[in-house]
Amino acid sequence: MRQIQCPKCLGSLEQVVYAAVEVDRCITCKGIWFDSLEVEKLKAIKGSESLDIGDPQTGSELNSCTGEVNCPICNEKMLRMVDIDRHRIWYEKCRICNGVWLDAGEFKNFKDNFKPQGLVGKFNKVLRGNRG
């Protein structure tokens, strides 16, 4: 079993499984590490947001850190990414292993960004320039 540290608070990560997909969640700040493509698999699975048990306020505070955040697997500097759909989410992605770090509360918002929005939601998305 690999022992990895949280890239934000340096706490230990524990393995958690949902629908046969294993992720790593920090026992301290409750942020979640997704290996390559795990976040994509889980966003499509009903109820997977239950993995995100952390306090969004804690996640927001950790997200405001502007220093370098290193990948818990590769130890390489991760890229800071933004998703600007319904919820603006800043998250980190490793350019080497393609893993993704989401702070507490962000996976729920990330998943919500991909829910069908109806006609009004699609219109607003077009107005914002997100035609995808």
N, C-alpha and C. Protein backbone atom coordinates (compact mmCIF):
# COMPACT_ATOMS: atom_id res chain seq x y z
N MET A 1 0.85 -1.18 0.00
CA MET A 1 0.00 0.00 0.00
C MET A 1 0.89 1.25 0.00
N ARG A 2 0.63 2.15 -0.92
CA ARG A 2 1.43 3.37 -0.99
C ARG A 2 0.95 4.37 0.06
N GLN A 3 1.88 5.07 0.66
CA GLN A 3 1.54 6.12 1.62
C GLN A 3 1.89 7.46 0.99
N ILE A 4 0.88 8.27 0.74
CA ILE A 4 1.13 9.57 0.12
C ILE A 4 0.60 10.67 1.02
N GLN A 5 1.16 11.87 0.84
CA GLN A 5 0.79 13.02 1.65
C GLN A 5 -0.06 14.01 0.87
N CYS A 6 -0.91 14.69 1.60
CA CYS A 6 -1.73 15.75 1.04
C CYS A 6 -0.84 16.86 0.48
N PRO A 7 -1.09 17.30 -0.74
CA PRO A 7 -0.27 18.37 -1.31
C PRO A 7 -0.56 19.74 -0.71
N LYS A 8 -1.63 19.85 0.06
CA LYS A 8 -2.00 21.15 0.64
C LYS A 8 -1.61 21.24 2.12
N CYS A 9 -2.08 20.29 2.95
CA CYS A 9 -1.83 20.39 4.39
C CYS A 9 -0.79 19.40 4.88
N LEU A 10 -0.31 18.53 3.99
CA LEU A 10 0.69 17.50 4.28
C LEU A 10 0.19 16.39 5.20
N GLY A 11 -1.13 16.31 5.38
CA GLY A 11 -1.71 15.20 6.14
C GLY A 11 -1.61 13.90 5.34
N SER A 12 -1.94 12.80 5.98
CA SER A 12 -1.93 11.50 5.30
C SER A 12 -3.18 11.33 4.45
N LEU A 13 -3.03 10.66 3.32
CA LEU A 13 -4.17 10.35 2.48
C LEU A 13 -4.59 8.91 2.72
N GLU A 14 -5.90 8.69 2.83
CA GLU A 14 -6.43 7.34 2.99
C GLU A 14 -7.15 6.95 1.71
N GLN A 15 -7.09 5.67 1.39
CA GLN A 15 -7.76 5.19 0.19
C GLN A 15 -9.24 5.00 0.49
N VAL A 16 -10.06 5.49 -0.42
CA VAL A 16 -11.51 5.39 -0.31
C VAL A 16 -12.03 4.88 -1.65
N VAL A 17 -12.97 3.93 -1.61
CA VAL A 17 -13.48 3.34 -2.84
C VAL A 17 -14.96 3.66 -2.99
N TYR A 18 -15.33 4.08 -4.19
CA TYR A 18 -16.74 4.29 -4.53
C TYR A 18 -16.96 3.69 -5.91
N ALA A 19 -17.91 2.79 -6.03
CA ALA A 19 -18.25 2.14 -7.31
C ALA A 19 -17.00 1.59 -8.00
N ALA A 20 -16.17 0.92 -7.23
CA ALA A 20 -14.94 0.27 -7.72
C ALA A 20 -13.88 1.26 -8.21
N VAL A 21 -14.03 2.55 -7.91
CA VAL A 21 -13.01 3.54 -8.24
C VAL A 21 -12.36 3.98 -6.93
N GLU A 22 -11.05 3.83 -6.86
CA GLU A 22 -10.31 4.15 -5.64
C GLU A 22 -9.67 5.52 -5.75
N VAL A 23 -9.96 6.38 -4.78
CA VAL A 23 -9.35 7.70 -4.71
C VAL A 23 -8.63 7.81 -3.37
N ASP A 24 -7.90 8.89 -3.18
CA ASP A 24 -7.17 9.12 -1.94
C ASP A 24 -7.66 10.43 -1.33
N ARG A 25 -8.13 10.35 -0.07
CA ARG A 25 -8.69 11.52 0.60
C ARG A 25 -7.85 11.85 1.83
N CYS A 26 -7.58 13.12 2.03
CA CYS A 26 -6.79 13.57 3.17
C CYS A 26 -7.59 13.38 4.46
N ILE A 27 -6.96 12.78 5.46
CA ILE A 27 -7.66 12.55 6.72
C ILE A 27 -7.79 13.84 7.53
N THR A 28 -7.02 14.86 7.15
CA THR A 28 -7.06 16.13 7.88
C THR A 28 -7.97 17.16 7.22
N CYS A 29 -7.65 17.57 5.99
CA CYS A 29 -8.41 18.64 5.33
C CYS A 29 -9.54 18.10 4.43
N LYS A 30 -9.55 16.79 4.17
CA LYS A 30 -10.58 16.10 3.37
C LYS A 30 -10.54 16.41 1.88
N GLY A 31 -9.43 17.02 1.40
CA GLY A 31 -9.25 17.16 -0.04
C GLY A 31 -9.11 15.78 -0.67
N ILE A 32 -9.30 15.69 -1.98
CA ILE A 32 -9.29 14.38 -2.66
C ILE A 32 -8.31 14.39 -3.82
N TRP A 33 -7.50 13.31 -3.88
CA TRP A 33 -6.59 13.08 -5.00
C TRP A 33 -7.22 12.05 -5.93
N PHE A 34 -7.32 12.41 -7.20
CA PHE A 34 -7.85 11.52 -8.23
C PHE A 34 -6.71 11.18 -9.18
N ASP A 35 -6.36 9.89 -9.29
CA ASP A 35 -5.39 9.49 -10.30
C ASP A 35 -6.00 9.77 -11.68
N SER A 36 -5.19 9.68 -12.70
CA SER A 36 -5.61 9.99 -14.07
C SER A 36 -6.96 9.35 -14.41
N LEU A 37 -7.88 10.16 -14.86
CA LEU A 37 -9.24 9.80 -15.32
C LEU A 37 -10.22 9.39 -14.23
N GLU A 38 -9.79 9.27 -12.98
CA GLU A 38 -10.73 8.89 -11.92
C GLU A 38 -11.81 9.95 -11.72
N VAL A 39 -11.44 11.23 -11.78
CA VAL A 39 -12.43 12.29 -11.60
C VAL A 39 -13.47 12.24 -12.72
N GLU A 40 -13.04 11.90 -13.93
CA GLU A 40 -13.97 11.79 -15.05
C GLU A 40 -14.93 10.62 -14.87
N LYS A 41 -14.42 9.50 -14.39
CA LYS A 41 -15.27 8.32 -14.15
C LYS A 41 -16.29 8.64 -13.07
N LEU A 42 -15.82 9.23 -11.96
CA LEU A 42 -16.70 9.45 -10.82
C LEU A 42 -17.73 10.55 -11.05
N LYS A 43 -17.41 11.54 -11.86
CA LYS A 43 -18.40 12.61 -12.08
C LYS A 43 -19.64 12.08 -12.77
N ALA A 44 -19.52 10.94 -13.47
CA ALA A 44 -20.65 10.35 -14.18
C ALA A 44 -21.44 9.35 -13.33
N ILE A 45 -20.96 9.06 -12.12
CA ILE A 45 -21.61 8.04 -11.29
C ILE A 45 -22.48 8.71 -10.23
N LYS A 46 -23.75 8.35 -10.24
CA LYS A 46 -24.71 8.91 -9.29
C LYS A 46 -24.27 8.63 -7.85
N GLY A 47 -24.32 9.65 -7.04
CA GLY A 47 -24.01 9.52 -5.62
C GLY A 47 -22.54 9.64 -5.27
N SER A 48 -21.67 9.74 -6.26
CA SER A 48 -20.23 9.78 -5.97
C SER A 48 -19.81 11.04 -5.23
N GLU A 49 -20.65 12.07 -5.26
CA GLU A 49 -20.34 13.29 -4.52
C GLU A 49 -20.25 13.04 -3.02
N SER A 50 -20.76 11.88 -2.56
CA SER A 50 -20.67 11.52 -1.15
C SER A 50 -19.22 11.32 -0.70
N LEU A 51 -18.30 11.18 -1.63
CA LEU A 51 -16.87 11.09 -1.29
C LEU A 51 -16.36 12.41 -0.72
N ASP A 52 -16.99 13.50 -1.10
CA ASP A 52 -16.54 14.84 -0.72
C ASP A 52 -17.18 15.22 0.62
N ILE A 53 -16.52 14.80 1.71
CA ILE A 53 -17.10 14.97 3.04
C ILE A 53 -16.54 16.16 3.80
N GLY A 54 -15.62 16.89 3.19
CA GLY A 54 -14.96 17.98 3.88
C GLY A 54 -15.77 19.26 3.93
N ASP A 55 -15.31 20.17 4.77
CA ASP A 55 -15.93 21.48 4.93
C ASP A 55 -15.49 22.38 3.77
N PRO A 56 -16.43 22.86 2.96
CA PRO A 56 -16.06 23.73 1.84
C PRO A 56 -15.29 24.98 2.28
N GLN A 57 -15.53 25.46 3.50
CA GLN A 57 -14.80 26.64 4.00
C GLN A 57 -13.32 26.31 4.16
N THR A 58 -13.03 25.12 4.69
CA THR A 58 -11.63 24.67 4.82
C THR A 58 -11.00 24.56 3.43
N GLY A 59 -11.75 23.98 2.50
CA GLY A 59 -11.25 23.86 1.13
C GLY A 59 -10.96 25.22 0.51
N SER A 60 -11.85 26.17 0.76
CA SER A 60 -11.68 27.52 0.22
C SER A 60 -10.42 28.19 0.80
N GLU A 61 -10.20 27.99 2.09
CA GLU A 61 -9.01 28.57 2.72
C GLU A 61 -7.73 27.97 2.14
N LEU A 62 -7.72 26.64 1.97
CA LEU A 62 -6.54 25.98 1.40
C LEU A 62 -6.37 26.36 -0.07
N ASN A 63 -7.46 26.60 -0.75
CA ASN A 63 -7.42 26.95 -2.16
C ASN A 63 -6.81 28.34 -2.38
N SER A 64 -6.88 29.18 -1.36
CA SER A 64 -6.35 30.53 -1.49
C SER A 64 -4.83 30.57 -1.37
N CYS A 65 -4.21 29.45 -1.03
CA CYS A 65 -2.75 29.39 -0.97
C CYS A 65 -2.20 29.59 -2.38
N THR A 66 -1.31 30.52 -2.54
CA THR A 66 -0.79 30.82 -3.87
C THR A 66 0.58 30.20 -4.12
N GLY A 67 1.10 29.49 -3.14
CA GLY A 67 2.42 28.87 -3.31
C GLY A 67 2.37 27.66 -4.22
N GLU A 68 3.53 27.10 -4.45
CA GLU A 68 3.67 25.92 -5.31
C GLU A 68 3.00 24.71 -4.65
N VAL A 69 2.24 23.96 -5.44
CA VAL A 69 1.59 22.74 -4.96
C VAL A 69 2.16 21.59 -5.78
N ASN A 70 2.78 20.64 -5.08
CA ASN A 70 3.42 19.53 -5.77
C ASN A 70 2.53 18.29 -5.79
N CYS A 71 2.63 17.54 -6.85
CA CYS A 71 1.88 16.30 -7.02
C CYS A 71 2.26 15.31 -5.92
N PRO A 72 1.27 14.70 -5.26
CA PRO A 72 1.58 13.73 -4.22
C PRO A 72 2.17 12.43 -4.77
N ILE A 73 2.08 12.21 -6.07
CA ILE A 73 2.62 11.00 -6.69
C ILE A 73 4.00 11.27 -7.29
N CYS A 74 4.10 12.29 -8.15
CA CYS A 74 5.34 12.59 -8.89
C CYS A 74 6.25 13.59 -8.19
N ASN A 75 5.68 14.34 -7.26
CA ASN A 75 6.35 15.44 -6.58
C ASN A 75 6.73 16.58 -7.53
N GLU A 76 6.10 16.63 -8.70
CA GLU A 76 6.31 17.72 -9.65
C GLU A 76 5.31 18.84 -9.36
N LYS A 77 5.69 20.07 -9.70
CA LYS A 77 4.78 21.20 -9.52
C LYS A 77 3.53 20.98 -10.38
N MET A 78 2.36 21.12 -9.75
CA MET A 78 1.10 20.95 -10.48
C MET A 78 0.65 22.27 -11.08
N LEU A 79 -0.14 22.17 -12.14
CA LEU A 79 -0.72 23.34 -12.79
C LEU A 79 -1.99 23.74 -12.06
N ARG A 80 -2.19 25.03 -11.90
CA ARG A 80 -3.43 25.53 -11.30
C ARG A 80 -4.42 25.73 -12.44
N MET A 81 -5.56 25.07 -12.35
CA MET A 81 -6.57 25.08 -13.40
C MET A 81 -7.83 25.76 -12.86
N VAL A 82 -8.69 26.19 -13.77
CA VAL A 82 -9.96 26.78 -13.36
C VAL A 82 -11.08 26.23 -14.22
N ASP A 83 -12.19 25.94 -13.57
CA ASP A 83 -13.43 25.53 -14.24
C ASP A 83 -14.41 26.67 -13.94
N ILE A 84 -14.92 27.34 -14.97
CA ILE A 84 -15.73 28.54 -14.74
C ILE A 84 -17.19 28.35 -15.10
N ASP A 85 -17.70 27.16 -14.93
CA ASP A 85 -19.10 26.93 -15.25
C ASP A 85 -19.97 27.51 -14.13
N ARG A 86 -20.96 26.79 -13.65
CA ARG A 86 -21.84 27.30 -12.60
C ARG A 86 -21.08 27.69 -11.34
N HIS A 87 -20.14 26.84 -10.98
CA HIS A 87 -19.29 27.10 -9.80
C HIS A 87 -17.88 27.33 -10.31
N ARG A 88 -17.27 28.42 -9.90
CA ARG A 88 -15.87 28.67 -10.27
C ARG A 88 -15.01 27.82 -9.34
N ILE A 89 -14.26 26.91 -9.93
CA ILE A 89 -13.43 25.99 -9.16
C ILE A 89 -11.98 26.12 -9.60
N TRP A 90 -11.12 26.42 -8.65
CA TRP A 90 -9.68 26.39 -8.90
C TRP A 90 -9.18 25.07 -8.36
N TYR A 91 -8.47 24.31 -9.18
CA TYR A 91 -7.95 23.02 -8.75
C TYR A 91 -6.57 22.81 -9.34
N GLU A 92 -5.89 21.76 -8.91
CA GLU A 92 -4.54 21.49 -9.37
C GLU A 92 -4.52 20.20 -10.19
N LYS A 93 -3.72 20.22 -11.25
CA LYS A 93 -3.58 19.04 -12.11
C LYS A 93 -2.11 18.81 -12.40
N CYS A 94 -1.70 17.55 -12.33
CA CYS A 94 -0.31 17.19 -12.61
C CYS A 94 -0.14 16.99 -14.11
N ARG A 95 0.82 17.66 -14.70
CA ARG A 95 1.06 17.54 -16.13
C ARG A 95 1.84 16.27 -16.46
N ILE A 96 2.37 15.60 -15.45
CA ILE A 96 3.14 14.37 -15.67
C ILE A 96 2.22 13.14 -15.61
N CYS A 97 1.51 12.96 -14.49
CA CYS A 97 0.68 11.76 -14.31
C CYS A 97 -0.80 12.03 -14.59
N ASN A 98 -1.18 13.28 -14.83
CA ASN A 98 -2.56 13.70 -15.11
C ASN A 98 -3.52 13.51 -13.94
N GLY A 99 -2.98 13.39 -12.73
CA GLY A 99 -3.83 13.34 -11.55
C GLY A 99 -4.41 14.71 -11.26
N VAL A 100 -5.49 14.73 -10.47
CA VAL A 100 -6.19 15.98 -10.14
C VAL A 100 -6.38 16.07 -8.63
N TRP A 101 -6.11 17.25 -8.06
CA TRP A 101 -6.37 17.51 -6.65
C TRP A 101 -7.54 18.47 -6.54
N LEU A 102 -8.56 18.07 -5.77
CA LEU A 102 -9.70 18.93 -5.48
C LEU A 102 -9.77 19.13 -3.97
N ASP A 103 -9.83 20.38 -3.54
CA ASP A 103 -9.97 20.69 -2.12
C ASP A 103 -11.37 20.31 -1.64
N ALA A 104 -11.53 20.27 -0.33
CA ALA A 104 -12.82 19.92 0.26
C ALA A 104 -13.93 20.79 -0.33
N GLY A 105 -15.01 20.16 -0.74
CA GLY A 105 -16.16 20.86 -1.31
C GLY A 105 -16.10 21.03 -2.81
N GLU A 106 -14.93 20.88 -3.41
CA GLU A 106 -14.80 21.14 -4.85
C GLU A 106 -15.34 20.01 -5.72
N PHE A 107 -15.26 18.77 -5.26
CA PHE A 107 -15.76 17.68 -6.11
C PHE A 107 -17.28 17.80 -6.27
N LYS A 108 -17.99 18.18 -5.21
CA LYS A 108 -19.45 18.38 -5.32
C LYS A 108 -19.74 19.46 -6.36
N ASN A 109 -19.01 20.56 -6.29
CA ASN A 109 -19.22 21.65 -7.26
C ASN A 109 -18.79 21.24 -8.66
N PHE A 110 -17.68 20.52 -8.77
CA PHE A 110 -17.20 20.04 -10.07
C PHE A 110 -18.27 19.17 -10.72
N LYS A 111 -18.82 18.26 -9.93
CA LYS A 111 -19.86 17.37 -10.45
C LYS A 111 -21.11 18.16 -10.85
N ASP A 112 -21.47 19.13 -10.04
CA ASP A 112 -22.64 19.96 -10.31
C ASP A 112 -22.46 20.75 -11.61
N ASN A 113 -21.23 21.14 -11.92
CA ASN A 113 -20.96 21.86 -13.16
C ASN A 113 -21.31 21.05 -14.40
N PHE A 114 -21.38 19.74 -14.27
CA PHE A 114 -21.64 18.87 -15.42
C PHE A 114 -23.06 18.33 -15.47
N LYS A 115 -23.92 18.76 -14.56
CA LYS A 115 -25.33 18.35 -14.61
C LYS A 115 -26.02 19.06 -15.76
N PRO A 116 -27.01 18.40 -16.37
CA PRO A 116 -27.79 19.08 -17.42
C PRO A 116 -28.41 20.35 -16.85
N GLN A 117 -28.41 21.41 -17.66
CA GLN A 117 -28.85 22.71 -17.16
C GLN A 117 -30.17 23.20 -17.74
N GLY A 118 -30.73 22.52 -18.70
CA GLY A 118 -31.94 23.01 -19.33
C GLY A 118 -31.64 24.16 -20.27
N LEU A 119 -32.66 24.69 -20.88
CA LEU A 119 -32.50 25.72 -21.91
C LEU A 119 -31.90 27.01 -21.37
N VAL A 120 -32.35 27.48 -20.20
CA VAL A 120 -31.83 28.72 -19.63
C VAL A 120 -30.35 28.57 -19.30
N GLY A 121 -29.98 27.43 -18.72
CA GLY A 121 -28.58 27.18 -18.39
C GLY A 121 -27.70 27.17 -19.61
N LYS A 122 -28.18 26.55 -20.68
CA LYS A 122 -27.41 26.50 -21.92
C LYS A 122 -27.26 27.90 -22.52
N PHE A 123 -28.32 28.70 -22.45
CA PHE A 123 -28.27 30.07 -22.96
C PHE A 123 -27.24 30.89 -22.19
N ASN A 124 -27.26 30.77 -20.86
CA ASN A 124 -26.29 31.50 -20.04
C ASN A 124 -24.87 31.05 -20.34
N LYS A 125 -24.69 29.76 -20.57
CA LYS A 125 -23.37 29.22 -20.90
C LYS A 125 -22.86 29.82 -22.20
N VAL A 126 -23.73 29.93 -23.20
CA VAL A 126 -23.35 30.53 -24.48
C VAL A 126 -22.98 32.00 -24.28
N LEU A 127 -23.75 32.71 -23.45
CA LEU A 127 -23.45 34.12 -23.19
C LEU A 127 -22.08 34.29 -22.55
N ARG A 128 -21.68 33.32 -21.73
CA ARG A 128 -20.36 33.38 -21.09
C ARG A 128 -19.25 32.93 -22.02
N GLY A 129 -19.61 32.39 -23.18
CA GLY A 129 -18.59 31.97 -24.14
C GLY A 129 -18.16 30.53 -24.02
N ASN A 130 -18.85 29.74 -23.19
CA ASN A 130 -18.51 28.33 -23.01
C ASN A 130 -19.42 27.50 -23.88
N ARG A 131 -19.09 27.32 -25.09
CA ARG A 131 -19.98 26.65 -26.04
C ARG A 131 -19.88 25.13 -26.00
N GLY A 132 -19.10 24.55 -25.08
CA GLY A 132 -18.89 23.11 -25.04
C GLY A 132 -19.99 22.36 -24.54
